[in-house]
């Protein structure tokens, strides 16, 4: 008797591990998002400006750090000379110079005057210009004109106003300082701070005007319903509503003040009187270009960058708070 042969059914083909493939694809997608962001087109649009920033700012900053740690000096084109590593010698030279330390004190005085004045005046004027007042367009343009006007032109007007026989001294009479403002060791830097505040006010007013457009009008209506007057609405609605813009204004004002150069160079003939209005950037120009010590000047610049970053972080903490 023949034993029947039982054929086994063929095993079904193995299905691919879809779960594993899905995990790999998810990791791949997360990696792409981490590198290019959620909108890669944004990277493509920002790439030209990123290259510009790298070429104009990042490379000079890196080269300045290199010079600050080496014995560096300018030579004729095509001449190659060794630049030995000197460690912190340039920083010791810079920080032991009384002129360098005084320049940081001067820019500190400038920032103490300029930054609060810029925030208060630009926010107050922006809030006023945001209302339906007569001549609003004229005032908006009038405040912006000094910002786009060449510094050399407006400096001439301020020299006329603040000289010993100028309009300001004539108006003040016996209350005018002697010697006059820009040749007075005490008043030179405060006068420069007021000048810079006036010149750049239009730009910061525009920033606040843009921020005010995003404050919901319903908040003002709710405040008015609760019996809040104009001042209460300003403090309870306007100021919190433009807090991000305030952080930006403070940051830009700090960076601008730390890079102060043109105004003391023009108004006080290079940091006078008796170096009372010398800023770190002006001192960098004098030591690096006029005196031929770019390594010490670079050390001053690196210290200035670190100080500005610290001040900017503190200012951001006060204006924006912790996230």
Protein backbone atom coordinates (compact mmCIF):
# COMPACT_ATOMS: atom_id res chain seq x y z
CA UNK A 1 0.00 0.00 0.00
CA UNK A 2 1.40 3.37 -1.04
CA UNK A 3 1.58 6.09 1.60
CA UNK A 4 0.00 9.27 0.32
CA UNK A 5 2.34 12.27 0.12
CA UNK A 6 1.02 15.29 1.91
CA UNK A 7 2.21 18.56 0.36
CA UNK A 8 2.80 21.40 2.72
CA UNK A 9 1.47 24.77 1.80
CA UNK A 10 4.14 27.22 0.78
CA UNK A 11 5.04 29.73 3.49
CA UNK A 12 3.69 33.18 2.76
CA UNK A 13 6.32 35.72 1.75
CA UNK A 14 7.69 37.73 4.63
CA UNK A 15 6.35 41.22 4.84
CA UNK A 16 8.85 44.01 5.11
CA UNK A 17 9.35 45.46 8.55
CA UNK A 18 7.25 48.55 7.98
CA UNK A 19 7.57 49.66 11.57
CA UNK A 20 11.36 49.72 11.32
CA UNK A 21 11.25 51.53 8.00
CA UNK A 22 8.83 54.09 9.45
CA UNK A 23 11.15 54.74 12.40
CA UNK A 24 14.12 55.21 10.07
CA UNK A 25 12.12 57.62 7.90
CA UNK A 26 11.01 59.58 10.95
CA UNK A 27 14.62 59.91 12.15
CA UNK A 28 15.65 60.99 8.65
CA UNK A 29 12.89 63.62 8.54
CA UNK A 30 13.83 64.93 11.98
CA UNK A 31 17.44 65.25 10.87
CA UNK A 32 16.43 67.20 7.77
CA UNK A 33 14.22 69.49 9.85
CA UNK A 34 17.06 70.06 12.30
CA UNK A 35 19.44 71.01 9.49
CA UNK A 36 17.19 72.92 7.10
CA UNK A 37 14.22 73.87 9.33
CA UNK A 38 10.57 73.25 8.67
CA UNK A 39 10.64 75.54 5.63
CA UNK A 40 13.80 74.80 3.60
CA UNK A 41 12.93 77.61 1.20
CA UNK A 42 13.71 80.00 4.03
CA UNK A 43 17.28 78.70 4.14
CA UNK A 44 17.62 79.30 0.43
CA UNK A 45 16.32 82.87 0.72
CA UNK A 46 18.50 83.67 3.74
CA UNK A 47 21.66 82.07 2.34
CA UNK A 48 22.91 85.16 0.41
CA UNK A 49 22.58 87.35 3.50
CA UNK A 50 24.25 84.67 5.65
CA UNK A 51 27.20 84.69 3.25
CA UNK A 52 27.29 88.49 3.47
CA UNK A 53 27.29 88.36 7.28
CA UNK A 54 30.05 85.78 7.25
CA UNK A 55 32.22 87.80 4.87
CA UNK A 56 31.63 91.24 6.40
CA UNK A 57 31.34 90.45 10.12
CA UNK A 58 32.31 86.90 11.07
CA UNK A 59 35.65 86.76 9.22
CA UNK A 60 36.91 90.17 10.47
CA UNK A 61 35.90 89.23 14.02
CA UNK A 62 37.77 85.93 13.81
CA UNK A 63 40.80 87.68 12.32
CA UNK A 64 40.69 90.27 15.12
CA UNK A 65 40.75 87.46 17.69
CA UNK A 66 43.78 86.00 15.88
CA UNK A 67 45.61 89.34 15.89
CA UNK A 68 44.89 89.88 19.58
CA UNK A 69 46.90 86.75 20.47
CA UNK A 70 49.85 87.49 18.17
CA UNK A 71 52.52 90.13 17.71
CA UNK A 72 50.87 91.62 14.67
CA UNK A 73 51.73 94.76 12.71
CA UNK A 74 51.00 96.09 9.25
CA UNK A 75 53.51 95.54 6.45
CA UNK A 76 53.82 96.50 2.82
CA UNK A 77 51.74 94.45 0.36
CA UNK A 78 53.44 91.17 -0.54
CA UNK A 79 55.81 91.20 2.45
CA UNK A 80 55.49 88.14 4.68
CA UNK A 81 56.83 88.44 8.22
CA UNK A 82 56.33 86.12 11.21
CA UNK A 83 53.66 86.96 13.76
CA UNK A 84 54.62 85.01 16.90
CA UNK A 85 52.02 83.94 19.43
CA UNK A 86 52.16 86.16 22.53
CA UNK A 87 49.23 84.83 24.54
CA UNK A 88 47.49 87.43 26.70
CA UNK A 89 50.23 90.06 26.38
CA UNK A 90 48.11 92.35 24.18
CA UNK A 91 45.19 92.08 26.60
CA UNK A 92 47.45 92.97 29.53
CA UNK A 93 48.80 95.95 27.61
CA UNK A 94 45.31 97.13 26.74
CA UNK A 95 43.75 96.66 30.17
CA UNK A 96 46.69 98.30 31.95
CA UNK A 97 46.32 101.45 29.83
CA UNK A 98 44.33 104.15 31.73
CA UNK A 99 43.05 105.55 28.43
CA UNK A 100 41.44 102.22 27.57
CA UNK A 101 39.76 101.90 30.95
CA UNK A 102 38.55 105.50 30.78
CA UNK A 103 37.11 104.92 27.30
CA UNK A 104 34.93 102.12 28.69
CA UNK A 105 33.78 104.45 31.47
CA UNK A 106 32.93 107.10 28.86
CA UNK A 107 30.84 104.71 26.78
CA UNK A 108 29.15 103.54 30.00
CA UNK A 109 28.13 107.14 30.71
CA UNK A 110 26.89 107.38 27.14
CA UNK A 111 24.75 104.24 27.47
CA UNK A 112 23.29 105.29 30.82
CA UNK A 113 22.01 108.48 29.18
CA UNK A 114 21.27 107.28 25.66
CA UNK A 115 19.45 103.96 26.18
CA UNK A 116 16.75 105.14 28.65
CA UNK A 117 16.23 108.36 26.69
CA UNK A 118 15.88 106.40 23.45
CA UNK A 119 13.32 103.97 24.89
CA UNK A 120 11.22 106.61 26.67
CA UNK A 121 11.18 109.20 23.88
CA UNK A 122 10.71 106.79 20.99
CA UNK A 123 7.90 104.89 22.72
CA UNK A 124 6.14 108.05 23.86
CA UNK A 125 6.38 109.73 20.45
CA UNK A 126 5.36 106.54 18.64
CA UNK A 127 2.28 106.24 20.85
CA UNK A 128 1.40 109.87 20.09
CA UNK A 129 2.01 109.48 16.35
CA UNK A 130 -0.11 106.34 16.34
CA UNK A 131 -3.14 108.45 17.22
CA UNK A 132 -5.26 110.38 14.74
CA UNK A 133 -3.62 113.78 15.25
CA UNK A 134 -3.32 116.73 12.89
CA UNK A 135 -0.11 116.64 10.84
CA UNK A 136 0.72 113.06 11.79
CA UNK A 137 2.45 112.30 8.47
CA UNK A 138 4.52 115.48 8.69
CA UNK A 139 5.76 114.64 12.19
CA UNK A 140 6.58 111.06 11.20
CA UNK A 141 8.74 112.30 8.34
CA UNK A 142 10.26 115.10 10.43
CA UNK A 143 11.47 112.70 13.12
CA UNK A 144 12.94 110.33 10.53
CA UNK A 145 14.84 112.96 8.51
CA UNK A 146 17.80 113.32 10.95
CA UNK A 147 18.34 109.55 10.89
CA UNK A 148 18.85 109.47 7.11
CA UNK A 149 20.84 112.72 7.01
CA UNK A 150 24.63 112.47 6.84
CA UNK A 151 26.29 112.88 10.23
CA UNK A 152 28.69 115.49 8.87
CA UNK A 153 25.78 117.76 7.94
CA UNK A 154 23.94 117.58 11.25
CA UNK A 155 27.18 117.80 13.24
CA UNK A 156 27.73 121.24 11.75
CA UNK A 157 24.34 122.35 13.07
CA UNK A 158 25.10 121.04 16.58
CA UNK A 159 28.50 122.70 16.61
CA UNK A 160 26.74 125.96 15.84
CA UNK A 161 24.12 125.39 18.55
CA UNK A 162 26.49 124.29 21.32
CA UNK A 163 29.54 126.48 20.83
CA UNK A 164 30.39 129.21 23.32
CA UNK A 165 28.39 131.83 21.38
CA UNK A 166 25.72 129.45 20.12
CA UNK A 167 21.97 129.49 20.49
CA UNK A 168 21.89 127.18 23.54
CA UNK A 169 24.32 129.30 25.57
CA UNK A 170 22.52 132.47 24.54
CA UNK A 171 19.22 130.95 25.68
CA UNK A 172 20.62 129.76 29.01
CA UNK A 173 22.54 132.93 29.71
CA UNK A 174 24.39 132.71 33.07
CA UNK A 175 23.28 129.05 33.46
CA UNK A 176 25.40 127.97 30.50
CA UNK A 177 28.47 125.90 31.45
CA UNK A 178 31.93 127.38 31.18
CA UNK A 179 33.81 126.19 29.21
CA UNK A 180 31.09 125.37 26.72
CA UNK A 181 29.43 121.99 26.21
CA UNK A 182 31.68 120.21 23.73
CA UNK A 183 34.92 121.58 25.21
CA UNK A 184 33.86 120.79 28.76
CA UNK A 185 35.26 117.57 30.25
CA UNK A 186 32.06 116.91 32.20
CA UNK A 187 29.44 117.82 29.57
CA UNK A 188 31.12 116.55 26.38
CA UNK A 189 29.92 112.94 26.57
CA UNK A 190 26.35 113.77 27.79
CA UNK A 191 26.06 116.22 24.89
CA UNK A 192 27.14 113.52 22.44
CA UNK A 193 24.62 111.11 24.00
CA UNK A 194 21.80 113.62 23.51
CA UNK A 195 22.91 114.23 19.92
CA UNK A 196 22.90 110.50 19.08
CA UNK A 197 19.51 110.08 20.75
CA UNK A 198 18.05 112.89 18.65
CA UNK A 199 19.63 111.66 15.40
CA UNK A 200 18.51 108.03 15.69
CA UNK A 201 15.13 108.66 17.28
CA UNK A 202 13.22 108.37 14.00
CA UNK A 203 14.41 104.81 13.39
CA UNK A 204 13.28 103.60 16.82
CA UNK A 205 9.97 105.43 16.46
CA UNK A 206 9.33 103.39 13.31
CA UNK A 207 10.07 100.17 15.20
CA UNK A 208 7.58 101.08 17.90
CA UNK A 209 4.97 102.20 15.35
CA UNK A 210 5.19 98.79 13.70
CA UNK A 211 4.82 97.10 17.10
CA UNK A 212 1.83 99.25 18.04
CA UNK A 213 -0.03 98.06 14.95
CA UNK A 214 0.00 94.55 16.42
CA UNK A 215 -1.52 95.50 19.78
CA UNK A 216 -5.22 94.46 19.61
CA UNK A 217 -7.60 97.39 19.86
CA UNK A 218 -9.92 95.21 21.91
CA UNK A 219 -7.48 95.48 24.80
CA UNK A 220 -7.83 99.26 24.84
CA UNK A 221 -11.61 98.94 24.66
CA UNK A 222 -11.60 96.51 27.59
CA UNK A 223 -9.38 98.84 29.60
CA UNK A 224 -11.68 101.78 28.86
CA UNK A 225 -14.68 99.70 29.90
CA UNK A 226 -12.96 99.00 33.23
CA UNK A 227 -12.53 102.75 33.74
CA UNK A 228 -8.86 103.05 32.78
CA UNK A 229 -7.73 106.44 31.56
CA UNK A 230 -5.14 107.15 28.88
CA UNK A 231 -2.18 106.82 31.21
CA UNK A 232 -3.45 103.57 32.73
CA UNK A 233 -4.12 102.15 29.26
CA UNK A 234 -0.61 103.15 28.24
CA UNK A 235 1.02 101.41 31.20
CA UNK A 236 -1.27 98.37 31.30
CA UNK A 237 -1.76 97.74 27.57
CA UNK A 238 0.76 99.60 25.42
CA UNK A 239 3.95 98.90 27.35
CA UNK A 240 3.33 95.13 27.75
CA UNK A 241 2.10 94.92 24.17
CA UNK A 242 5.34 96.30 22.72
CA UNK A 243 7.71 94.49 25.09
CA UNK A 244 9.41 92.48 22.30
CA UNK A 245 10.02 95.72 20.40
CA UNK A 246 11.44 97.28 23.57
CA UNK A 247 13.91 94.42 23.83
CA UNK A 248 14.98 95.03 20.23
CA UNK A 249 15.29 98.80 20.79
CA UNK A 250 17.43 98.28 23.91
CA UNK A 251 19.66 95.79 22.10
CA UNK A 252 20.17 98.05 19.07
CA UNK A 253 20.79 101.10 21.25
CA UNK A 254 23.41 99.23 23.27
CA UNK A 255 25.20 97.93 20.17
CA UNK A 256 25.08 101.37 18.52
CA UNK A 257 26.41 103.09 21.63
CA UNK A 258 29.21 100.58 22.07
CA UNK A 259 30.33 101.25 18.48
CA UNK A 260 30.40 105.01 19.02
CA UNK A 261 32.98 106.57 16.71
CA UNK A 262 31.72 109.16 14.24
CA UNK A 263 30.10 111.52 16.75
CA UNK A 264 33.04 112.05 19.15
CA UNK A 265 35.43 112.10 16.20
CA UNK A 266 33.52 114.95 14.56
CA UNK A 267 32.03 116.82 17.51
CA UNK A 268 35.06 116.88 19.80
CA UNK A 269 37.89 116.62 17.25
CA UNK A 270 38.83 113.07 18.11
CA UNK A 271 37.81 112.49 21.71
CA UNK A 272 38.51 115.83 23.40
CA UNK A 273 38.71 117.71 25.58
CA UNK A 274 41.63 115.90 27.24
CA UNK A 275 40.29 112.53 25.98
CA UNK A 276 37.06 113.04 27.97
CA UNK A 277 34.88 111.75 25.12
CA UNK A 278 37.12 108.96 23.80
CA UNK A 279 35.20 105.78 23.04
CA UNK A 280 36.73 102.28 22.76
CA UNK A 281 36.19 102.18 18.99
CA UNK A 282 37.79 105.60 18.57
CA UNK A 283 40.71 104.43 20.68
CA UNK A 284 40.98 101.30 18.53
CA UNK A 285 41.28 103.53 15.47
CA UNK A 286 43.95 105.68 17.12
CA UNK A 287 46.03 102.73 18.34
CA UNK A 288 45.52 100.45 15.36
CA UNK A 289 45.72 102.91 12.45
CA UNK A 290 47.42 106.05 13.70
CA UNK A 291 49.90 104.42 16.11
CA UNK A 292 50.41 101.13 14.22
CA UNK A 293 49.44 98.72 17.01
CA UNK A 294 46.61 96.62 15.48
CA UNK A 295 47.26 93.74 17.90
CA UNK A 296 46.49 95.91 20.97
CA UNK A 297 43.56 97.49 19.12
CA UNK A 298 42.18 94.01 18.38
CA UNK A 299 42.46 93.08 22.05
CA UNK A 300 40.40 96.18 22.92
CA UNK A 301 37.83 95.14 20.32
CA UNK A 302 37.51 91.60 21.69
CA UNK A 303 37.05 92.92 25.23
CA UNK A 304 34.44 95.36 23.90
CA UNK A 305 32.50 92.52 22.21
CA UNK A 306 32.44 90.52 25.44
CA UNK A 307 31.29 93.52 27.49
CA UNK A 308 28.56 94.36 24.97
CA UNK A 309 27.29 90.77 24.99
CA UNK A 310 27.06 90.80 28.78
CA UNK A 311 25.26 94.15 28.84
CA UNK A 312 22.91 93.04 26.05
CA UNK A 313 22.00 89.84 27.91
CA UNK A 314 21.30 91.83 31.07
CA UNK A 315 19.20 94.31 29.11
CA UNK A 316 17.25 91.51 27.47
CA UNK A 317 16.57 89.91 30.86
CA UNK A 318 15.12 93.16 32.18
CA UNK A 319 13.04 93.99 29.10
CA UNK A 320 11.76 90.56 28.04
CA UNK A 321 12.05 88.50 31.23
CA UNK A 322 12.67 84.78 31.34
CA UNK A 323 10.98 82.67 28.68
